[in-house]
Amino acid sequence: MKADLYPMLMGAVAMASFVATLFFLRFWTQTRDPLFLFFSAAFALDTLSRVALAMSHPSDELEPFYYVARLVMFGLIIAAIIQKNRPRRTGRQGN
């Protein structure tokens, strides 16, 4: 029973990540804010890794590669947040 549900649940999570990818991509096209582009890329990577996990039966030797994809995904989200909150330089010097 558990093995039968696993691909379906991974497919549902992949679909949710794909929808999030499309929303963030739409927000990026409207605002050109890089935060949304980073988030879109992160969720696209999550979609691909979830589909790969659902379609394959990873062995113990291959599982770390799937977690590297998640590490990169969360790294993109952290980079987006840091980039968004970094103070902006105005180009003028202290007047």
Foldseek 3Di string as FASTA:
>chain_A
DVLVCQLVVLLVLLVVLQVLLVVLVVVCVVPVQVLSVLLNVLSPLSSVLSNVVSVDPDDPVCVVVSVVSNVVSVVSNVVSVCVVPDDDDPPDPDD
